[in-house]
C-alpha atoms as a PDB file:
ATOM      1  CA  MET A   1      97.308 176.388  36.297  1.00  0.00           C
ATOM      2  CA  GLN A   2      98.928 175.261  39.526  1.00  0.00           C
ATOM      3  CA  ASN A   3     102.604 174.279  39.470  1.00  0.00           C
ATOM      4  CA  TRP A   4     101.963 171.120  41.497  1.00  0.00           C
ATOM      5  CA  ASN A   5     105.552 169.873  41.259  1.00  0.00           C
ATOM      6  CA  LEU A   6     106.768 173.111  42.840  1.00  0.00           C
ATOM      7  CA  ILE A   7     104.148 172.849  45.585  1.00  0.00           C
ATOM      8  CA  PHE A   8     105.197 169.245  46.194  1.00  0.00           C
ATOM      9  CA  GLY A   9     108.826 170.377  46.270  1.00  0.00           C
ATOM     10  CA  ILE A  10     108.030 173.030  48.885  1.00  0.00           C
ATOM     11  CA  SER A  11     106.229 170.362  50.914  1.00  0.00           C
ATOM     12  CA  ILE A  12     109.257 168.061  50.779  1.00  0.00           C
ATOM     13  CA  ILE A  13     111.644 170.815  51.872  1.00  0.00           C
ATOM     14  CA  SER A  14     109.268 171.874  54.639  1.00  0.00           C
ATOM     15  CA  SER A  15     108.572 168.354  55.914  1.00  0.00           C
ATOM     16  CA  PRO A  16     111.541 167.979  58.342  1.00  0.00           C
ATOM     17  CA  ILE A  17     110.803 171.377  59.892  1.00  0.00           C
ATOM     18  CA  LEU A  18     107.097 170.649  60.196  1.00  0.00           C
ATOM     19  CA  PHE A  19     107.904 167.220  61.632  1.00  0.00           C
ATOM     20  CA  ALA A  20     110.132 168.774  64.308  1.00  0.00           C
ATOM     21  CA  MET A  21     107.467 171.313  65.228  1.00  0.00           C
ATOM     22  CA  ILE A  22     104.666 168.732  65.431  1.00  0.00           C
ATOM     23  CA  ALA A  23     106.509 165.743  66.883  1.00  0.00           C
ATOM     24  CA  PHE A  24     108.676 167.696  69.358  1.00  0.00           C
ATOM     25  CA  PRO A  25     106.785 170.914  70.187  1.00  0.00           C
ATOM     26  CA  ASP A  26     108.728 171.357  73.427  1.00  0.00           C
ATOM     27  CA  SER A  27     111.884 171.883  71.354  1.00  0.00           C
ATOM     28  CA  ILE A  28     110.426 174.964  69.644  1.00  0.00           C
ATOM     29  CA  ALA A  29     111.720 177.449  72.211  1.00  0.00           C
ATOM     30  CA  TRP A  30     111.904 181.052  71.039  1.00  0.00           C
ATOM     31  CA  SER A  31     115.199 181.864  72.709  1.00  0.00           C
ATOM     32  CA  TRP A  32     117.842 181.701  69.978  1.00  0.00           C
ATOM     33  CA  ASN A  33     120.103 179.250  71.880  1.00  0.00           C
ATOM     34  CA  GLU A  34     117.570 177.082  73.682  1.00  0.00           C
ATOM     35  CA  GLY A  35     115.554 175.403  70.975  1.00  0.00           C
ATOM     36  CA  ARG A  36     114.411 175.141  67.388  1.00  0.00           C
ATOM     37  CA  GLY A  37     112.323 178.294  67.242  1.00  0.00           C
ATOM     38  CA  GLY A  38     114.463 179.462  64.340  1.00  0.00           C
ATOM     39  CA  TYR A  39     113.090 176.558  62.278  1.00  0.00           C
ATOM     40  CA  PHE A  40     109.717 178.286  62.146  1.00  0.00           C
ATOM     41  CA  PHE A  41     111.159 181.486  60.695  1.00  0.00           C
ATOM     42  CA  ALA A  42     113.337 179.581  58.236  1.00  0.00           C
ATOM     43  CA  LEU A  43     110.182 177.803  57.078  1.00  0.00           C
ATOM     44  CA  ILE A  44     108.424 181.134  56.493  1.00  0.00           C
ATOM     45  CA  PHE A  45     111.393 182.358  54.436  1.00  0.00           C
ATOM     46  CA  VAL A  46     111.479 179.191  52.321  1.00  0.00           C
ATOM     47  CA  VAL A  47     107.750 179.167  51.595  1.00  0.00           C
ATOM     48  CA  ALA A  48     107.593 182.926  50.930  1.00  0.00           C
ATOM     49  CA  GLU A  49     110.442 182.793  48.424  1.00  0.00           C
ATOM     50  CA  LEU A  50     109.339 179.666  46.571  1.00  0.00           C
ATOM     51  CA  ILE A  51     105.564 179.961  46.408  1.00  0.00           C
ATOM     52  CA  GLY A  52     104.340 181.333  43.117  1.00  0.00           C
ATOM     53  CA  LEU A  53     107.515 180.635  41.123  1.00  0.00           C
ATOM     54  CA  LYS A  54     107.012 179.648  37.498  1.00  0.00           C
ATOM     55  CA  ILE A  55     109.932 177.207  37.559  1.00  0.00           C
ATOM     56  CA  VAL A  56     108.997 173.583  36.916  1.00  0.00           C
ATOM     57  CA  ILE A  57     110.746 170.925  39.034  1.00  0.00           C
ATOM     58  CA  SER A  58     111.076 167.506  37.416  1.00  0.00           C
ATOM     59  CA  LYS A  59     109.698 164.409  39.117  1.00  0.00           C
ATOM     60  CA  LYS A  60     113.180 162.903  39.081  1.00  0.00           C
ATOM     61  CA  LYS A  61     114.504 165.745  41.232  1.00  0.00           C
ATOM     62  CA  LEU A  62     111.571 165.421  43.615  1.00  0.00           C
ATOM     63  CA  LEU A  63     112.269 161.709  44.039  1.00  0.00           C
ATOM     64  CA  ILE A  64     115.942 162.404  44.771  1.00  0.00           C
ATOM     65  CA  VAL A  65     115.099 164.880  47.566  1.00  0.00           C
ATOM     66  CA  ILE A  66     112.520 162.686  49.322  1.00  0.00           C
ATOM     67  CA  PRO A  67     115.141 160.283  50.815  1.00  0.00           C
ATOM     68  CA  LEU A  68     117.158 163.317  51.997  1.00  0.00           C
ATOM     69  CA  ALA A  69     114.086 164.665  53.796  1.00  0.00           C
ATOM     70  CA  LEU A  70     113.498 161.258  55.390  1.00  0.00           C
ATOM     71  CA  ALA A  71     117.165 161.095  56.471  1.00  0.00           C
ATOM     72  CA  THR A  72     116.838 164.526  58.107  1.00  0.00           C
ATOM     73  CA  ILE A  73     113.681 163.406  59.912  1.00  0.00           C
ATOM     74  CA  ALA A  74     115.544 160.247  61.000  1.00  0.00           C
ATOM     75  CA  TYR A  75     118.257 162.489  62.494  1.00  0.00           C
ATOM     76  CA  LEU A  76     115.645 164.403  64.493  1.00  0.00           C
ATOM     77  CA  VAL A  77     114.150 161.149  65.784  1.00  0.00           C
ATOM     78  CA  SER A  78     117.546 159.651  66.632  1.00  0.00           C
ATOM     79  CA  LEU A  79     118.250 162.599  68.925  1.00  0.00           C
ATOM     80  CA  GLU A  80     115.520 161.261  71.199  1.00  0.00           C
ATOM     81  CA  TYR A  81     117.119 157.793  71.258  1.00  0.00           C
ATOM     82  CA  GLY A  82     120.678 158.487  72.338  1.00  0.00           C
ATOM     83  CA  LEU A  83     122.227 160.701  69.672  1.00  0.00           C
ATOM     84  CA  ARG A  84     121.749 163.874  71.712  1.00  0.00           C
ATOM     85  CA  GLU A  85     123.593 162.310  74.641  1.00  0.00           C
ATOM     86  CA  TYR A  86     126.432 161.378  72.286  1.00  0.00           C
ATOM     87  CA  ILE A  87     126.612 164.984  71.027  1.00  0.00           C
ATOM     88  CA  ILE A  88     126.675 166.264  74.611  1.00  0.00           C
ATOM     89  CA  GLU A  89     129.501 163.880  75.490  1.00  0.00           C
ATOM     90  CA  SER A  90     131.462 164.959  72.410  1.00  0.00           C
ATOM     91  CA  ALA A  91     131.476 168.555  73.669  1.00  0.00           C
ATOM     92  CA  GLU A  92     134.226 167.637  76.142  1.00  0.00           C
ATOM     93  CA  LEU A  93     136.502 166.548  73.283  1.00  0.00           C
ATOM     94  CA  PHE A  94     136.279 170.020  71.774  1.00  0.00           C
ATOM     95  CA  ASN A  95     136.504 171.884  75.095  1.00  0.00           C
ATOM     96  CA  VAL A  96     133.009 173.300  74.663  1.00  0.00           C
ATOM     97  CA  GLN A  97     131.689 175.159  77.707  1.00  0.00           C
ATOM     98  CA  LEU A  98     128.115 175.946  76.707  1.00  0.00           C
ATOM     99  CA  ILE A  99     126.546 172.558  76.044  1.00  0.00           C
ATOM    100  CA  TYR A 100     123.137 173.817  74.922  1.00  0.00           C
ATOM    101  CA  SER A 101     124.620 176.028  72.214  1.00  0.00           C
ATOM    102  CA  TRP A 102     126.724 173.075  71.063  1.00  0.00           C
ATOM    103  CA  THR A 103     123.793 170.659  70.801  1.00  0.00           C
ATOM    104  CA  TRP A 104     121.399 173.087  69.130  1.00  0.00           C
ATOM    105  CA  MET A 105     124.157 174.119  66.722  1.00  0.00           C
ATOM    106  CA  TRP A 106     124.090 170.638  65.166  1.00  0.00           C
ATOM    107  CA  ASP A 107     120.324 170.833  64.695  1.00  0.00           C
ATOM    108  CA  PHE A 108     120.734 173.981  62.629  1.00  0.00           C
ATOM    109  CA  VAL A 109     123.764 172.629  60.760  1.00  0.00           C
ATOM    110  CA  VAL A 110     121.864 169.506  59.690  1.00  0.00           C
ATOM    111  CA  MET A 111     118.741 171.429  58.672  1.00  0.00           C
ATOM    112  CA  ALA A 112     120.795 174.014  56.764  1.00  0.00           C
ATOM    113  CA  ILE A 113     122.663 171.276  54.892  1.00  0.00           C
ATOM    114  CA  PHE A 114     119.415 169.551  53.952  1.00  0.00           C
ATOM    115  CA  ILE A 115     117.746 172.704  52.630  1.00  0.00           C
ATOM    116  CA  VAL A 116     120.839 173.866  50.713  1.00  0.00           C
ATOM    117  CA  VAL A 117     121.245 170.429  49.097  1.00  0.00           C
ATOM    118  CA  ALA A 118     117.525 170.216  48.286  1.00  0.00           C
ATOM    119  CA  LEU A 119     117.467 173.688  46.726  1.00  0.00           C
ATOM    120  CA  SER A 120     120.644 172.879  44.775  1.00  0.00           C
ATOM    121  CA  ILE A 121     119.009 169.748  43.367  1.00  0.00           C
ATOM    122  CA  PHE A 122     115.860 171.668  42.427  1.00  0.00           C
ATOM    123  CA  PHE A 123     117.443 174.821  40.991  1.00  0.00           C
ATOM    124  CA  GLY A 124     121.191 174.235  40.657  1.00  0.00           C
ATOM    125  CA  LYS A 125     123.437 177.229  41.413  1.00  0.00           C
ATOM    126  CA  ARG A 126     120.465 179.541  40.876  1.00  0.00           C
ATOM    127  CA  TRP A 127     119.114 178.703  44.344  1.00  0.00           C
ATOM    128  CA  ILE A 128     121.249 181.458  45.865  1.00  0.00           C
ATOM    129  CA  ARG A 129     119.203 183.993  43.875  1.00  0.00           C
ATOM    130  CA  ILE A 130     115.881 182.160  44.045  1.00  0.00           C
ATOM    131  CA  ALA A 131     115.560 181.241  47.741  1.00  0.00           C
ATOM    132  CA  PRO A 132     118.590 182.271  49.820  1.00  0.00           C
ATOM    133  CA  ALA A 133     116.969 183.700  52.958  1.00  0.00           C
ATOM    134  CA  GLY A 134     115.853 180.456  54.672  1.00  0.00           C
ATOM    135  CA  PRO A 135     119.123 178.509  54.394  1.00  0.00           C
ATOM    136  CA  ILE A 136     121.254 181.564  55.140  1.00  0.00           C
ATOM    137  CA  PHE A 137     119.151 182.249  58.234  1.00  0.00           C
ATOM    138  CA  LEU A 138     119.816 178.662  59.369  1.00  0.00           C
ATOM    139  CA  ILE A 139     123.527 178.899  58.520  1.00  0.00           C
ATOM    140  CA  GLY A 140     123.808 182.225  60.335  1.00  0.00           C
ATOM    141  CA  THR A 141     122.127 180.807  63.420  1.00  0.00           C
ATOM    142  CA  ALA A 142     124.462 177.792  63.348  1.00  0.00           C
ATOM    143  CA  ILE A 143     127.480 180.110  63.124  1.00  0.00           C
ATOM    144  CA  ILE A 144     126.299 182.195  66.068  1.00  0.00           C
ATOM    145  CA  LEU A 145     125.627 179.074  68.141  1.00  0.00           C
ATOM    146  CA  SER A 146     129.121 177.777  67.355  1.00  0.00           C
ATOM    147  CA  LEU A 147     130.666 181.081  68.418  1.00  0.00           C
ATOM    148  CA  ASP A 148     128.637 180.989  71.633  1.00  0.00           C
ATOM    149  CA  ALA A 149     129.699 177.381  72.267  1.00  0.00           C
ATOM    150  CA  PHE A 150     133.420 177.920  71.699  1.00  0.00           C
ATOM    151  CA  PHE A 151     133.708 181.545  72.894  1.00  0.00           C
ATOM    152  CA  PRO A 152     131.128 181.939  75.696  1.00  0.00           C
ATOM    153  CA  TYR A 153     130.219 185.093  77.567  1.00  0.00           C
ATOM    154  CA  ASP A 154     132.802 187.829  76.905  1.00  0.00           C
ATOM    155  CA  THR A 155     135.695 185.718  75.617  1.00  0.00           C
ATOM    156  CA  LEU A 156     135.103 186.748  71.992  1.00  0.00           C
ATOM    157  CA  GLY A 157     136.540 190.246  72.192  1.00  0.00           C
ATOM    158  CA  PRO A 158     135.479 191.747  68.830  1.00  0.00           C
ATOM    159  CA  LEU A 159     131.797 190.919  69.371  1.00  0.00           C
ATOM    160  CA  GLN A 160     131.906 192.009  73.006  1.00  0.00           C
ATOM    161  CA  TYR A 161     133.634 195.289  72.178  1.00  0.00           C
ATOM    162  CA  ILE A 162     130.494 197.297  71.405  1.00  0.00           C
ATOM    163  CA  VAL A 163     128.490 195.994  74.383  1.00  0.00           C
ATOM    164  CA  PRO A 164     129.671 198.659  76.905  1.00  0.00           C
ATOM    165  CA  TYR A 165     128.420 201.357  74.512  1.00  0.00           C
ATOM    166  CA  PHE A 166     125.002 199.692  74.408  1.00  0.00           C
ATOM    167  CA  VAL A 167     125.011 199.539  78.204  1.00  0.00           C
ATOM    168  CA  GLN A 168     125.995 203.198  78.581  1.00  0.00           C
ATOM    169  CA  ALA A 169     123.268 204.257  76.147  1.00  0.00           C
ATOM    170  CA  ASN A 170     120.697 202.233  78.088  1.00  0.00           C
ATOM    171  CA  VAL A 171     121.744 203.788  81.399  1.00  0.00           C
ATOM    172  CA  TRP A 172     121.392 207.238  79.849  1.00  0.00           C
ATOM    173  CA  ILE A 173     117.843 206.430  78.651  1.00  0.00           C
ATOM    174  CA  ILE A 174     116.799 205.100  82.071  1.00  0.00           C
ATOM    175  CA  THR A 175     118.225 208.163  83.814  1.00  0.00           C
ATOM    176  CA  THR A 176     116.655 210.562  81.335  1.00  0.00           C
ATOM    177  CA  LEU A 177     113.211 208.957  81.733  1.00  0.00           C
ATOM    178  CA  ASP A 178     113.670 208.825  85.529  1.00  0.00           C
ATOM    179  CA  LEU A 179     112.661 205.147  85.715  1.00  0.00           C
ATOM    180  CA  GLY A 180     115.026 204.337  88.567  1.00  0.00           C
ATOM    181  CA  THR A 181     118.686 204.305  89.418  1.00  0.00           C
ATOM    182  CA  ALA A 182     121.079 202.910  86.831  1.00  0.00           C
ATOM    183  CA  VAL A 183     124.870 202.775  86.900  1.00  0.00           C
ATOM    184  CA  ALA A 184     127.106 201.171  84.288  1.00  0.00           C
ATOM    185  CA  LYS A 185     130.563 199.666  84.614  1.00  0.00           C
ATOM    186  CA  ASP A 186     131.908 198.029  81.464  1.00  0.00           C
ATOM    187  CA  ASN A 187     129.259 195.449  80.534  1.00  0.00           C
ATOM    188  CA  VAL A 188     127.470 195.454  83.913  1.00  0.00           C
ATOM    189  CA  MET A 189     124.423 197.502  84.855  1.00  0.00           C
ATOM    190  CA  PHE A 190     123.457 198.100  88.464  1.00  0.00           C
ATOM    191  CA  LEU A 191     119.755 198.820  88.623  1.00  0.00           C
ATOM    192  CA  ARG A 192     117.493 199.885  91.472  1.00  0.00           C
ATOM    193  CA  GLY A 193     113.772 200.272  90.915  1.00  0.00           C
ATOM    194  CA  ASP A 194     110.343 199.607  92.374  1.00  0.00           C
ATOM    195  CA  HIS A 195     111.165 196.046  93.456  1.00  0.00           C
ATOM    196  CA  GLY A 196     114.697 196.388  94.736  1.00  0.00           C
ATOM    197  CA  SER A 197     118.134 196.066  93.192  1.00  0.00           C
ATOM    198  CA  MET A 198     119.455 193.901  90.391  1.00  0.00           C
ATOM    199  CA  ALA A 199     122.780 193.665  88.582  1.00  0.00           C
ATOM    200  CA  LEU A 200     122.683 192.725  84.902  1.00  0.00           C
ATOM    201  CA  GLN A 201     125.820 191.532  83.159  1.00  0.00           C
ATOM    202  CA  VAL A 202     125.418 191.906  79.405  1.00  0.00           C
ATOM    203  CA  PHE A 203     127.274 189.673  76.973  1.00  0.00           C
ATOM    204  CA  TRP A 204     127.248 190.007  73.182  1.00  0.00           C
ATOM    205  CA  PRO A 205     124.328 187.596  72.535  1.00  0.00           C
ATOM    206  CA  SER A 206     122.155 189.348  75.125  1.00  0.00           C
ATOM    207  CA  ALA A 207     123.041 192.684  73.544  1.00  0.00           C
ATOM    208  CA  GLY A 208     121.729 191.358  70.243  1.00  0.00           C
ATOM    209  CA  VAL A 209     125.072 191.357  68.406  1.00  0.00           C
ATOM    210  CA  HIS A 210     124.105 187.966  67.003  1.00  0.00           C
ATOM    211  CA  SER A 211     120.996 189.503  65.440  1.00  0.00           C
ATOM    212  CA  ILE A 212     123.141 192.092  63.639  1.00  0.00           C
ATOM    213  CA  ILE A 213     125.208 189.289  62.124  1.00  0.00           C
ATOM    214  CA  ILE A 214     122.155 187.246  61.118  1.00  0.00           C
ATOM    215  CA  PHE A 215     120.433 190.355  59.733  1.00  0.00           C
ATOM    216  CA  SER A 216     123.514 191.170  57.644  1.00  0.00           C
ATOM    217  CA  LEU A 217     123.589 187.663  56.183  1.00  0.00           C
ATOM    218  CA  VAL A 218     119.871 187.451  55.420  1.00  0.00           C
ATOM    219  CA  ILE A 219     119.555 190.966  54.011  1.00  0.00           C
ATOM    220  CA  GLY A 220     122.744 190.495  52.001  1.00  0.00           C
ATOM    221  CA  ALA A 221     121.194 187.406  50.416  1.00  0.00           C
ATOM    222  CA  PHE A 222     117.885 189.214  49.889  1.00  0.00           C
ATOM    223  CA  MET A 223     119.649 192.096  48.124  1.00  0.00           C
ATOM    224  CA  LEU A 224     121.082 189.622  45.614  1.00  0.00           C
ATOM    225  CA  LYS A 225     117.530 188.996  44.421  1.00  0.00           C
ATOM    226  CA  LEU A 226     116.690 192.649  43.914  1.00  0.00           C
ATOM    227  CA  ASN A 227     117.323 194.043  40.470  1.00  0.00           C
ATOM    228  CA  ILE A 228     118.061 197.576  41.668  1.00  0.00           C
ATOM    229  CA  PRO A 229     121.123 199.862  41.580  1.00  0.00           C
ATOM    230  CA  ARG A 230     123.920 199.054  44.013  1.00  0.00           C
ATOM    231  CA  ASN A 231     123.678 202.403  45.752  1.00  0.00           C
ATOM    232  CA  ARG A 232     120.053 201.710  46.730  1.00  0.00           C
ATOM    233  CA  LYS A 233     121.050 198.247  47.929  1.00  0.00           C
ATOM    234  CA  ALA A 234     123.765 199.856  50.079  1.00  0.00           C
ATOM    235  CA  ILE A 235     121.284 202.372  51.482  1.00  0.00           C
ATOM    236  CA  TYR A 236     118.816 199.631  52.406  1.00  0.00           C
ATOM    237  CA  PHE A 237     121.579 197.576  53.982  1.00  0.00           C
ATOM    238  CA  ILE A 238     122.877 200.488  56.088  1.00  0.00           C
ATOM    239  CA  LEU A 239     119.358 201.496  57.155  1.00  0.00           C
ATOM    240  CA  GLY A 240     118.674 197.885  58.111  1.00  0.00           C
ATOM    241  CA  ILE A 241     121.787 197.689  60.280  1.00  0.00           C
ATOM    242  CA  ILE A 242     120.904 200.980  61.979  1.00  0.00           C
ATOM    243  CA  GLY A 243     117.374 199.701  62.591  1.00  0.00           C
ATOM    244  CA  THR A 244     118.678 196.425  64.013  1.00  0.00           C
ATOM    245  CA  ILE A 245     120.951 198.318  66.406  1.00  0.00           C
ATOM    246  CA  GLY A 246     117.904 200.348  67.449  1.00  0.00           C
ATOM    247  CA  VAL A 247     115.901 197.157  68.054  1.00  0.00           C
ATOM    248  CA  ASN A 248     118.750 195.807  70.194  1.00  0.00           C
ATOM    249  CA  LEU A 249     118.814 198.990  72.265  1.00  0.00           C
ATOM    250  CA  ILE A 250     115.064 198.602  72.781  1.00  0.00           C
ATOM    251  CA  ARG A 251     115.668 195.000  73.827  1.00  0.00           C
ATOM    252  CA  ILE A 252     118.247 195.940  76.474  1.00  0.00           C
ATOM    253  CA  PHE A 253     115.982 198.745  77.654  1.00  0.00           C
ATOM    254  CA  SER A 254     113.011 196.356  77.960  1.00  0.00           C
ATOM    255  CA  LEU A 255     115.100 193.930  80.025  1.00  0.00           C
ATOM    256  CA  SER A 256     116.129 196.790  82.303  1.00  0.00           C
ATOM    257  CA  TRP A 257     112.568 198.100  82.530  1.00  0.00           C
ATOM    258  CA  TYR A 258     111.381 194.614  83.494  1.00  0.00           C
ATOM    259  CA  ALA A 259     113.847 194.580  86.387  1.00  0.00           C
ATOM    260  CA  LEU A 260     113.031 198.151  87.411  1.00  0.00           C
ATOM    261  CA  LYS A 261     109.236 198.028  87.178  1.00  0.00           C
ATOM    262  CA  VAL A 262     108.073 194.398  87.155  1.00  0.00           C
ATOM    263  CA  THR A 263     110.325 192.077  89.165  1.00  0.00           C
ATOM    264  CA  THR A 264     113.848 191.447  90.330  1.00  0.00           C
ATOM    265  CA  ASP A 265     113.169 187.756  90.829  1.00  0.00           C
ATOM    266  CA  PRO A 266     115.918 186.037  88.785  1.00  0.00           C
ATOM    267  CA  VAL A 267     113.701 183.163  87.635  1.00  0.00           C
ATOM    268  CA  ALA A 268     110.862 185.393  86.417  1.00  0.00           C
ATOM    269  CA  TRP A 269     113.294 187.824  84.816  1.00  0.00           C
ATOM    270  CA  GLU A 270     115.097 184.994  82.999  1.00  0.00           C
ATOM    271  CA  GLU A 271     111.826 183.766  81.512  1.00  0.00           C
ATOM    272  CA  TYR A 272     111.303 187.186  79.960  1.00  0.00           C
ATOM    273  CA  HIS A 273     114.939 187.361  78.877  1.00  0.00           C
ATOM    274  CA  LYS A 274     114.578 184.108  76.921  1.00  0.00           C
ATOM    275  CA  ILE A 275     112.050 185.563  74.501  1.00  0.00           C
ATOM    276  CA  ALA A 276     112.715 189.313  74.606  1.00  0.00           C
ATOM    277  CA  GLY A 277     115.235 189.320  71.765  1.00  0.00           C
ATOM    278  CA  GLU A 278     113.545 187.156  69.173  1.00  0.00           C
ATOM    279  CA  ILE A 279     110.056 188.634  69.637  1.00  0.00           C
ATOM    280  CA  MET A 280     111.564 191.984  68.655  1.00  0.00           C
ATOM    281  CA  PHE A 281     114.261 191.116  66.132  1.00  0.00           C
ATOM    282  CA  LEU A 282     112.451 188.606  63.914  1.00  0.00           C
ATOM    283  CA  PRO A 283     109.304 190.733  63.382  1.00  0.00           C
ATOM    284  CA  TRP A 284     111.635 193.645  62.602  1.00  0.00           C
ATOM    285  CA  LEU A 285     113.481 191.513  60.033  1.00  0.00           C
ATOM    286  CA  PHE A 286     110.243 190.495  58.297  1.00  0.00           C
ATOM    287  CA  ALA A 287     108.862 194.041  58.474  1.00  0.00           C
ATOM    288  CA  PHE A 288     112.020 195.515  56.948  1.00  0.00           C
ATOM    289  CA  ILE A 289     111.997 193.060  54.034  1.00  0.00           C
ATOM    290  CA  PHE A 290     108.271 193.680  53.508  1.00  0.00           C
ATOM    291  CA  VAL A 291     108.744 197.471  53.399  1.00  0.00           C
ATOM    292  CA  VAL A 292     111.638 197.184  50.937  1.00  0.00           C
ATOM    293  CA  ILE A 293     109.528 194.962  48.661  1.00  0.00           C
ATOM    294  CA  ILE A 294     106.637 197.451  48.766  1.00  0.00           C
ATOM    295  CA  ILE A 295     108.910 200.421  48.012  1.00  0.00           C
ATOM    296  CA  GLU A 296     110.645 198.704  45.109  1.00  0.00           C
ATOM    297  CA  SER A 297     107.369 197.355  43.707  1.00  0.00           C
ATOM    298  CA  ARG A 298     105.941 200.872  43.630  1.00  0.00           C
ATOM    299  CA  ARG A 299     109.106 202.230  41.997  1.00  0.00           C
ATOM    300  CA  LEU A 300     108.891 199.514  39.353  1.00  0.00           C
ATOM    301  CA  LYS A 301     105.238 200.299  38.591  1.00  0.00           C
ATOM    302  CA  LYS A 302     106.035 203.993  38.220  1.00  0.00           C
ATOM    303  CA  SER A 303     108.911 203.274  35.868  1.00  0.00           C
ATOM    304  CA  GLU A 304     106.657 201.114  33.670  1.00  0.00           C
ATOM    305  CA  LYS A 305     104.081 203.853  33.179  1.00  0.00           C
END
């Protein structure tokens, strides 16, 4: 028998995200700081964690959440009628330098608040164990956008600290594979390949440091749901961080390869740069969670025999 109240609840929670994707498709950019692409992945997390639950949601709770969903949709609409301009103007009051990160930050803050409140109404404090990945992904993205807005480029020392090591490793790979000439100085790479020369200055978001933070938050929340020994949770977490670092090295390498072998035109290169991180990190995040679920499901079946 279908749990129709749960399905209706998932539909209510999903409605603001689906509305944004349908009504404003141009805002669904896949670069982490240039649009609402993260909404899509948050939606996948929410649906994947809630679908199939045996928990019954009362009609009263559903009716309480509907106005909250409508208010969130109203926020998205109001952005197109002057609210976004107001948010942009407010950036000056807070000495924000990166306006886009500031404006998109509020989109993720509002959506995260809505989903957390909705899940809290449906499940109480248990939501953090039932469906944490979606809201924590949104919260993590909002945090990263706020850091980028208030501490742009290399002004946030602790996050920028590891970038030169990423750059040095990338230069070593390029040299070893004989793909062109590569020289590193701090966080700058000087590349010369088939289409001329290009200098790439790497800051912590471009190095994928933000993805390590988001991965840590999402996987930490996911581990709360797993009923397995702490040592295995720690092993999964460490392996996930190592894998994410590897994905980020691949990302920097791909950006360098694009400059060495495809084009040094700044406009064309920037278009690739906008999507290079997310098209690698987010599939890796889903794949890692999927593999962990498969491994633990098999272990559970063996233990039950």
